[in-house]
C-alpha atoms as a PDB file:
ATOM      1  CA  MET A   1     -50.038 -43.960 -10.188  1.00  0.00           C
ATOM      2  CA  ALA A   2     -52.257 -43.202 -13.170  1.00  0.00           C
ATOM      3  CA  VAL A   3     -51.893 -41.603 -16.595  1.00  0.00           C
ATOM      4  CA  LYS A   4     -53.358 -38.117 -16.523  1.00  0.00           C
ATOM      5  CA  GLU A   5     -56.363 -38.041 -18.817  1.00  0.00           C
ATOM      6  CA  GLY A   6     -55.708 -36.565 -22.235  1.00  0.00           C
ATOM      7  CA  THR A   7     -51.895 -36.536 -21.938  1.00  0.00           C
ATOM      8  CA  ALA A   8     -50.875 -39.825 -23.597  1.00  0.00           C
ATOM      9  CA  SER A   9     -49.266 -39.329 -27.006  1.00  0.00           C
ATOM     10  CA  PRO A  10     -46.881 -41.410 -29.153  1.00  0.00           C
ATOM     11  CA  THR A  11     -43.934 -39.510 -27.604  1.00  0.00           C
ATOM     12  CA  GLY A  12     -44.879 -38.947 -23.971  1.00  0.00           C
ATOM     13  CA  LEU A  13     -47.434 -38.466 -21.217  1.00  0.00           C
ATOM     14  CA  THR A  14     -48.016 -37.243 -17.677  1.00  0.00           C
ATOM     15  CA  VAL A  15     -48.583 -39.554 -14.731  1.00  0.00           C
ATOM     16  CA  THR A  16     -50.102 -38.602 -11.403  1.00  0.00           C
ATOM     17  CA  PHE A  17     -49.116 -40.013  -8.038  1.00  0.00           C
ATOM     18  CA  GLU A  18     -51.352 -40.132  -4.993  1.00  0.00           C
ATOM     19  CA  ASN A  19     -49.723 -41.258  -1.753  1.00  0.00           C
ATOM     20  CA  ASN A  20     -52.497 -42.726   0.388  1.00  0.00           C
ATOM     21  CA  SER A  21     -50.036 -44.131   2.915  1.00  0.00           C
ATOM     22  CA  SER A  22     -48.549 -42.689   6.084  1.00  0.00           C
ATOM     23  CA  SER A  23     -45.009 -43.058   4.655  1.00  0.00           C
ATOM     24  CA  GLN A  24     -42.903 -40.753   2.522  1.00  0.00           C
ATOM     25  CA  CYS A  25     -42.222 -41.971  -1.029  1.00  0.00           C
ATOM     26  CA  ILE A  26     -39.550 -41.067  -3.557  1.00  0.00           C
ATOM     27  CA  TYR A  27     -39.685 -41.510  -7.329  1.00  0.00           C
ATOM     28  CA  SER A  28     -37.128 -40.650  -9.989  1.00  0.00           C
ATOM     29  CA  GLU A  29     -36.792 -39.982 -13.711  1.00  0.00           C
ATOM     30  CA  SER A  30     -36.280 -43.670 -14.525  1.00  0.00           C
ATOM     31  CA  PHE A  31     -39.000 -45.706 -16.240  1.00  0.00           C
ATOM     32  CA  TRP A  32     -39.589 -48.293 -18.922  1.00  0.00           C
ATOM     33  CA  LEU A  33     -42.409 -49.007 -21.333  1.00  0.00           C
ATOM     34  CA  GLU A  34     -44.204 -52.268 -22.029  1.00  0.00           C
ATOM     35  CA  LYS A  35     -46.619 -53.179 -24.838  1.00  0.00           C
ATOM     36  CA  LYS A  36     -49.454 -55.681 -24.593  1.00  0.00           C
ATOM     37  CA  ILE A  37     -49.277 -58.264 -27.366  1.00  0.00           C
ATOM     38  CA  ASP A  38     -51.762 -61.162 -27.466  1.00  0.00           C
ATOM     39  CA  GLY A  39     -52.645 -60.620 -23.806  1.00  0.00           C
ATOM     40  CA  SER A  40     -49.054 -60.540 -22.473  1.00  0.00           C
ATOM     41  CA  TRP A  41     -46.800 -57.598 -21.592  1.00  0.00           C
ATOM     42  CA  TYR A  42     -43.433 -57.192 -23.345  1.00  0.00           C
ATOM     43  CA  GLN A  43     -40.790 -54.555 -22.740  1.00  0.00           C
ATOM     44  CA  VAL A  44     -40.546 -52.045 -25.599  1.00  0.00           C
ATOM     45  CA  PRO A  45     -37.009 -52.054 -27.043  1.00  0.00           C
ATOM     46  CA  VAL A  46     -35.080 -48.796 -27.047  1.00  0.00           C
ATOM     47  CA  ALA A  47     -34.745 -47.083 -30.417  1.00  0.00           C
ATOM     48  CA  PHE A  48     -30.946 -46.932 -30.582  1.00  0.00           C
ATOM     49  CA  ASP A  49     -27.836 -48.955 -29.828  1.00  0.00           C
ATOM     50  CA  GLY A  50     -25.654 -47.817 -26.978  1.00  0.00           C
ATOM     51  CA  ASP A  51     -25.792 -46.835 -23.362  1.00  0.00           C
ATOM     52  CA  TYR A  52     -28.331 -44.518 -21.831  1.00  0.00           C
ATOM     53  CA  GLY A  53     -29.196 -43.271 -18.374  1.00  0.00           C
ATOM     54  CA  PHE A  54     -31.573 -41.094 -16.431  1.00  0.00           C
ATOM     55  CA  GLU A  55     -30.931 -37.936 -14.456  1.00  0.00           C
ATOM     56  CA  ASP A  56     -30.242 -38.951 -10.853  1.00  0.00           C
ATOM     57  CA  ILE A  57     -32.893 -36.918  -9.073  1.00  0.00           C
ATOM     58  CA  GLY A  58     -35.438 -37.944  -6.460  1.00  0.00           C
ATOM     59  CA  TYR A  59     -38.903 -36.419  -6.184  1.00  0.00           C
ATOM     60  CA  ILE A  60     -40.378 -36.608  -2.702  1.00  0.00           C
ATOM     61  CA  LEU A  61     -44.025 -37.511  -2.319  1.00  0.00           C
ATOM     62  CA  ALA A  62     -45.090 -36.795   1.253  1.00  0.00           C
ATOM     63  CA  ALA A  63     -47.525 -39.019   3.129  1.00  0.00           C
ATOM     64  CA  GLY A  64     -50.989 -38.094   1.860  1.00  0.00           C
ATOM     65  CA  GLY A  65     -49.391 -36.104  -0.964  1.00  0.00           C
ATOM     66  CA  TYR A  66     -50.052 -35.739  -4.692  1.00  0.00           C
ATOM     67  CA  GLY A  67     -47.590 -35.302  -7.544  1.00  0.00           C
ATOM     68  CA  GLU A  68     -47.339 -35.164 -11.324  1.00  0.00           C
ATOM     69  CA  TRP A  69     -44.467 -36.231 -13.549  1.00  0.00           C
ATOM     70  CA  THR A  70     -44.239 -35.572 -17.293  1.00  0.00           C
ATOM     71  CA  VAL A  71     -42.025 -37.604 -19.605  1.00  0.00           C
ATOM     72  CA  ASP A  72     -40.988 -37.249 -23.242  1.00  0.00           C
ATOM     73  CA  TRP A  73     -39.578 -40.633 -24.307  1.00  0.00           C
ATOM     74  CA  GLU A  74     -38.902 -39.837 -27.951  1.00  0.00           C
ATOM     75  CA  TRP A  75     -35.133 -39.755 -27.223  1.00  0.00           C
ATOM     76  CA  LEU A  76     -35.319 -43.332 -25.906  1.00  0.00           C
ATOM     77  CA  TYR A  77     -38.191 -45.095 -27.709  1.00  0.00           C
ATOM     78  CA  GLY A  78     -38.984 -42.862 -30.665  1.00  0.00           C
ATOM     79  CA  SER A  79     -42.661 -42.465 -31.535  1.00  0.00           C
ATOM     80  CA  LEU A  80     -44.860 -45.383 -30.436  1.00  0.00           C
ATOM     81  CA  ASP A  81     -47.094 -47.277 -32.846  1.00  0.00           C
ATOM     82  CA  SER A  82     -50.769 -47.680 -32.010  1.00  0.00           C
ATOM     83  CA  GLY A  83     -51.492 -50.209 -29.285  1.00  0.00           C
ATOM     84  CA  GLU A  84     -51.968 -50.841 -25.581  1.00  0.00           C
ATOM     85  CA  TYR A  85     -49.012 -49.832 -23.394  1.00  0.00           C
ATOM     86  CA  ARG A  86     -48.030 -49.264 -19.807  1.00  0.00           C
ATOM     87  CA  ILE A  87     -45.351 -47.181 -18.182  1.00  0.00           C
ATOM     88  CA  VAL A  88     -43.529 -48.740 -15.235  1.00  0.00           C
ATOM     89  CA  LYS A  89     -41.744 -46.752 -12.513  1.00  0.00           C
ATOM     90  CA  ASP A  90     -40.034 -47.749  -9.313  1.00  0.00           C
ATOM     91  CA  VAL A  91     -41.042 -45.962  -6.126  1.00  0.00           C
ATOM     92  CA  LEU A  92     -39.157 -46.060  -2.840  1.00  0.00           C
ATOM     93  CA  VAL A  93     -41.287 -46.130   0.322  1.00  0.00           C
ATOM     94  CA  SER A  94     -39.712 -45.266   3.668  1.00  0.00           C
ATOM     95  CA  THR A  95     -39.942 -47.858   6.436  1.00  0.00           C
ATOM     96  CA  ASP A  96     -40.000 -47.479  10.217  1.00  0.00           C
ATOM     97  CA  SER A  97     -36.323 -48.491  10.339  1.00  0.00           C
ATOM     98  CA  GLY A  98     -35.313 -45.564   8.093  1.00  0.00           C
ATOM     99  CA  GLU A  99     -34.656 -47.815   5.103  1.00  0.00           C
ATOM    100  CA  TYR A 100     -36.642 -47.873   1.854  1.00  0.00           C
ATOM    101  CA  ASP A 101     -38.636 -50.645   0.197  1.00  0.00           C
ATOM    102  CA  THR A 102     -38.880 -50.602  -3.615  1.00  0.00           C
ATOM    103  CA  TYR A 103     -42.250 -51.015  -5.338  1.00  0.00           C
ATOM    104  CA  TYR A 104     -42.946 -51.075  -9.068  1.00  0.00           C
ATOM    105  CA  LEU A 105     -46.014 -49.172 -10.230  1.00  0.00           C
ATOM    106  CA  ALA A 106     -47.586 -49.404 -13.689  1.00  0.00           C
ATOM    107  CA  ALA A 107     -50.120 -47.214 -15.460  1.00  0.00           C
ATOM    108  CA  GLU A 108     -51.775 -48.339 -18.681  1.00  0.00           C
ATOM    109  CA  PHE A 109     -52.558 -46.183 -21.721  1.00  0.00           C
ATOM    110  CA  ILE A 110     -53.620 -46.576 -25.339  1.00  0.00           C
ATOM    111  CA  ILE A 111     -52.043 -45.013 -28.427  1.00  0.00           C
ATOM    112  CA  HIS A 112     -54.495 -44.687 -31.333  1.00  0.00           C
END
C-alpha cells in the first residue's frame, strides 16, 4: 500500500494497493490516521464527539492484482495541520483453509 503521488491533501488522499501474493485480499472503507510527533506515531483524534462508523463493504484485490482507494476524511478528522502522517488500513488475506488473516498496512504522507 502506498499513497498515490500528488493526491495527499489536508482532507484526503488516494492509496494504491499491489497484491504481490498468490492469495486474494479484501480491504474495506475503514482506516485511521496517525501523526509523527518527536519520532513516535500517535493516533489522530477524531474531530467530533459521538459514534461513527464506516460503510460495510469489501473490495476484493485478486492475487497479482492492483487497486486504488480514495478517501475524504474531513467528516471524521477535519482538515489536517502540516506534519508527517500515515494512514493505516486493515487487509484480510485468504489462507489455504478458507479463513482470513488480518494484516495492518500503513502508508506515510506529508501535509505542508
